[in-house]
Amino acid sequence: MYISIPRDWSNVVRDRRTDLKMTQEELAARVGKARQWVVRFESGHAGSANIDSLTKLLAVLELNVEVDATDEDPDPMFMLDLDDADGSEL
């Protein structure tokens, strides 16, 4: 799955968390954040998260990220390819 905007991050995180049958409280505790941080992230405010928080979040959710700058556009946009840790695409 390719994501390019904060709202995409929100959807992936919420869907993966629910797939893992994890509550927002459990995810927040494992990432070291308050539940409100998870609520905001899942509500589309992912753009304000720093790389350290994203790294922890992805590790807890067992997701891998591949960053790819497309060269088709003169001003490339970074796209993120999210796969399960086992390599299967979400």
Protein backbone atom coordinates (compact mmCIF):
# COMPACT_ATOMS: atom_id res chain seq x y z
CA MET A 1 0.00 0.00 0.00
CA TYR A 2 1.34 3.41 -0.91
CA ILE A 3 0.68 6.37 1.31
CA SER A 4 1.57 9.97 0.72
CA ILE A 5 -0.53 12.12 3.03
CA PRO A 6 -1.02 12.15 6.82
CA ARG A 7 -4.60 10.89 6.49
CA ASP A 8 -3.28 7.73 4.83
CA TRP A 9 -1.01 7.11 7.83
CA SER A 10 -4.01 7.49 10.11
CA ASN A 11 -6.04 4.89 8.25
CA VAL A 12 -3.20 2.37 8.11
CA VAL A 13 -2.42 2.72 11.82
CA ARG A 14 -6.06 2.43 12.91
CA ASP A 15 -6.72 -0.55 10.63
CA ARG A 16 -3.56 -2.37 11.72
CA ARG A 17 -4.23 -1.69 15.41
CA THR A 18 -7.72 -3.13 15.12
CA ASP A 19 -6.42 -6.11 13.10
CA LEU A 20 -4.09 -6.83 16.03
CA LYS A 21 -7.05 -6.45 18.43
CA MET A 22 -5.18 -3.73 20.28
CA THR A 23 -6.90 -0.85 22.04
CA GLN A 24 -5.77 2.74 21.71
CA GLU A 25 -4.65 2.59 25.34
CA GLU A 26 -2.52 -0.50 24.68
CA LEU A 27 -0.93 1.02 21.60
CA ALA A 28 -0.21 4.27 23.42
CA ALA A 29 1.44 2.45 26.31
CA ARG A 30 3.62 0.37 24.00
CA VAL A 31 4.70 3.46 22.03
CA GLY A 32 5.27 5.49 25.19
CA LYS A 33 2.63 8.09 24.43
CA ALA A 34 -0.68 9.17 25.94
CA ARG A 35 -3.90 7.69 24.54
CA GLN A 36 -4.80 11.18 23.26
CA TRP A 37 -1.74 11.05 20.98
CA VAL A 38 -3.10 7.88 19.34
CA VAL A 39 -6.57 9.43 19.07
CA ARG A 40 -5.13 12.50 17.31
CA PHE A 41 -2.93 10.36 15.05
CA GLU A 42 -5.85 8.16 14.01
CA SER A 43 -7.99 11.26 13.44
CA GLY A 44 -5.75 12.55 10.68
CA HIS A 45 -3.15 14.52 12.60
CA ALA A 46 -0.29 12.17 11.73
CA GLY A 47 1.69 14.99 10.13
CA SER A 48 2.74 16.32 13.51
CA ALA A 49 4.40 13.05 14.62
CA ASN A 50 8.20 13.00 14.69
CA ILE A 51 10.32 10.25 13.14
CA ASP A 52 11.12 8.68 16.53
CA SER A 53 7.41 8.32 17.35
CA LEU A 54 6.67 6.93 13.89
CA THR A 55 9.49 4.41 14.20
CA LYS A 56 8.18 3.17 17.55
CA LEU A 57 4.62 3.07 16.25
CA LEU A 58 5.57 1.02 13.19
CA ALA A 59 7.63 -1.40 15.28
CA VAL A 60 4.75 -1.99 17.71
CA LEU A 61 2.35 -2.55 14.81
CA GLU A 62 4.88 -4.85 13.09
CA LEU A 63 4.94 -2.76 9.91
CA ASN A 64 7.87 -2.10 7.59
CA VAL A 65 8.27 1.09 5.58
CA GLU A 66 10.02 1.52 2.28
CA VAL A 67 10.60 5.09 1.12
CA ASP A 68 10.62 5.61 -2.63
CA ALA A 69 11.09 8.93 -4.42
CA THR A 70 9.42 8.71 -7.79
CA ASP A 71 11.42 10.10 -10.67
CA GLU A 72 8.42 10.59 -12.97
CA ASP A 73 7.66 13.98 -11.45
CA PRO A 74 10.16 16.86 -11.64
CA ASP A 75 9.33 17.54 -7.98
CA PRO A 76 9.29 13.99 -6.56
CA MET A 77 6.92 13.11 -3.77
CA PHE A 78 7.95 10.51 -1.26
CA MET A 79 5.64 7.54 -1.14
CA LEU A 80 5.66 5.01 1.66
CA ASP A 81 5.14 1.35 0.93
CA LEU A 82 3.76 -0.39 4.00
CA ASP A 83 4.02 -4.14 4.34
CA ASP A 84 3.47 -6.48 7.24
CA ALA A 85 6.70 -7.43 8.97
CA ASP A 86 6.37 -10.88 7.37
CA GLY A 87 6.55 -9.28 3.92
CA SER A 88 2.91 -9.60 2.88
CA GLU A 89 1.29 -6.46 1.55
CA LEU A 90 -1.49 -4.89 3.59
